[in-house]
Amino acid sequence: MNPDGERAEDQALRFLLGQGLKLKQRNYACRLGEIDLILTDGKTLVFAEVRMRRSGSFGGAAESITPRKRARLIAAARHYLAGHKVLPPCRFDAVLIEGGGAPKWIKDAFGE
C-alpha cells in the first residue's frame, strides 16, 4: 500500500473509532478482493472502504468506487462471512477523504 493510502486508512480508522465502532480486522484480503476495515457498530458488522483523493477533480473520492470495485468488495465480504456460523447484520460504509479535509462517513453506502 502506498503511504498516502495508509495515512488515509489510519485517519479513517481513528475517525470511526471515535464514533464508537470497534476494529475487528484491517486489510482483509482474499483472491476476490480486499476490504480496508472490518469493524463492529453495536451488533452490526461493518465493511468499510476508505477512499482518498487530493482534490475533487476527476469525480472525487466517492466516484472512485466503481461498479467493479463495489463488486470486488461484496465478493470479499461474502468470502469473509463464509467462515461465520451465524451471520450478523452487515453493511458497507465508505469513508471519503478529499484534499486533506475531515473524513466524510457514508453509512450503508451500497444499499446492500
Protein backbone atom coordinates (compact mmCIF):
# COMPACT_ATOMS: atom_id res chain seq x y z
CA MET A 1 0.00 0.00 0.00
CA ASN A 2 1.25 3.47 -0.74
CA PRO A 3 2.00 5.88 2.14
CA ASP A 4 -0.94 8.17 1.24
CA GLY A 5 -3.35 5.23 1.29
CA GLU A 6 -2.01 4.04 4.63
CA ARG A 7 -2.37 7.54 6.14
CA ALA A 8 -5.93 7.78 4.81
CA GLU A 9 -6.79 4.41 6.39
CA ASP A 10 -5.22 5.50 9.68
CA GLN A 11 -7.25 8.73 9.61
CA ALA A 12 -10.46 6.88 8.74
CA LEU A 13 -9.86 4.30 11.47
CA ARG A 14 -9.28 6.98 14.12
CA PHE A 15 -12.46 8.72 12.97
CA LEU A 16 -14.58 5.55 13.10
CA LEU A 17 -13.19 4.50 16.48
CA GLY A 18 -14.09 7.99 17.70
CA GLN A 19 -17.66 7.32 16.54
CA GLY A 20 -17.81 4.24 18.77
CA LEU A 21 -17.07 1.49 16.24
CA LYS A 22 -14.66 -1.29 17.17
CA LEU A 23 -11.99 -2.68 14.86
CA LYS A 24 -12.13 -6.39 14.03
CA GLN A 25 -9.67 -6.54 11.15
CA ARG A 26 -7.69 -4.30 8.85
CA ASN A 27 -6.85 -5.03 5.20
CA TYR A 28 -8.69 -8.32 4.85
CA ALA A 29 -7.57 -9.80 1.54
CA CYS A 30 -8.59 -12.85 -0.42
CA ARG A 31 -8.38 -13.80 -4.08
CA LEU A 32 -11.67 -11.99 -4.71
CA GLY A 33 -10.67 -8.58 -3.34
CA GLU A 34 -9.68 -6.58 -0.26
CA ILE A 35 -11.62 -4.83 2.47
CA ASP A 36 -9.86 -1.87 4.08
CA LEU A 37 -11.52 -2.05 7.50
CA ILE A 38 -13.87 -4.50 9.16
CA LEU A 39 -15.49 -3.11 12.29
CA THR A 40 -18.49 -3.58 14.52
CA ASP A 41 -21.11 -0.91 15.15
CA GLY A 42 -23.06 -2.41 18.01
CA LYS A 43 -24.14 -5.81 16.69
CA THR A 44 -23.68 -4.80 13.03
CA LEU A 45 -20.60 -5.89 11.11
CA VAL A 46 -19.30 -3.01 9.00
CA PHE A 47 -17.17 -3.41 5.89
CA ALA A 48 -15.57 -0.01 5.32
CA GLU A 49 -13.96 1.19 2.11
CA VAL A 50 -11.59 4.14 2.51
CA ARG A 51 -11.07 6.41 -0.50
CA MET A 52 -8.78 9.41 -0.58
CA ARG A 53 -8.31 11.95 -3.33
CA ARG A 54 -6.09 15.00 -3.22
CA SER A 55 -8.86 17.03 -4.87
CA GLY A 56 -12.40 16.76 -6.16
CA SER A 57 -11.14 16.77 -9.75
CA PHE A 58 -11.98 13.78 -11.91
CA GLY A 59 -15.04 12.92 -9.81
CA GLY A 60 -13.54 12.84 -6.33
CA ALA A 61 -13.35 10.07 -3.76
CA ALA A 62 -16.95 8.83 -3.99
CA GLU A 63 -16.83 8.37 -7.74
CA SER A 64 -13.65 6.32 -7.40
CA ILE A 65 -15.72 3.44 -6.02
CA THR A 66 -16.56 1.98 -9.41
CA PRO A 67 -19.09 -0.80 -10.04
CA ARG A 68 -16.15 -3.20 -10.48
CA LYS A 69 -14.62 -2.12 -7.14
CA ARG A 70 -18.00 -2.46 -5.45
CA ALA A 71 -18.43 -6.00 -6.83
CA ARG A 72 -14.98 -6.97 -5.55
CA LEU A 73 -15.78 -5.58 -2.09
CA ILE A 74 -19.03 -7.51 -1.93
CA ALA A 75 -17.29 -10.72 -3.07
CA ALA A 76 -14.55 -10.28 -0.44
CA ALA A 77 -17.19 -9.67 2.24
CA ARG A 78 -19.01 -12.85 1.25
CA HIS A 79 -15.71 -14.72 1.48
CA TYR A 80 -15.10 -13.27 4.95
CA LEU A 81 -18.62 -14.21 6.08
CA ALA A 82 -18.27 -17.78 4.78
CA GLY A 83 -16.28 -18.56 7.92
CA HIS A 84 -19.10 -17.50 10.24
CA LYS A 85 -21.65 -19.97 11.58
CA VAL A 86 -24.15 -17.23 12.38
CA LEU A 87 -24.39 -14.28 10.01
CA PRO A 88 -24.60 -10.93 11.79
CA PRO A 89 -26.38 -7.93 10.33
CA CYS A 90 -23.92 -6.28 7.91
CA ARG A 91 -23.48 -3.09 5.96
CA PHE A 92 -20.97 -1.44 3.65
CA ASP A 93 -19.76 2.01 4.62
CA ALA A 94 -17.46 4.39 2.79
CA VAL A 95 -15.10 6.88 4.37
CA LEU A 96 -14.16 9.59 1.90
CA ILE A 97 -11.25 11.97 2.37
CA GLU A 98 -10.68 14.77 -0.12
CA GLY A 99 -7.98 17.40 -0.20
CA GLY A 100 -6.74 16.66 3.31
CA GLY A 101 -10.12 17.55 4.82
CA ALA A 102 -12.08 15.76 7.51
CA PRO A 103 -13.40 12.30 6.68
CA LYS A 104 -16.93 12.06 5.30
CA TRP A 105 -18.67 8.91 6.54
CA ILE A 106 -21.37 7.37 4.38
CA LYS A 107 -23.23 4.61 6.20
CA ASP A 108 -24.79 1.88 4.09
CA ALA A 109 -23.05 3.30 1.04
CA PHE A 110 -24.06 0.47 -1.29
CA GLY A 111 -27.57 -0.24 -0.03
CA GLU A 112 -26.61 -3.93 0.24
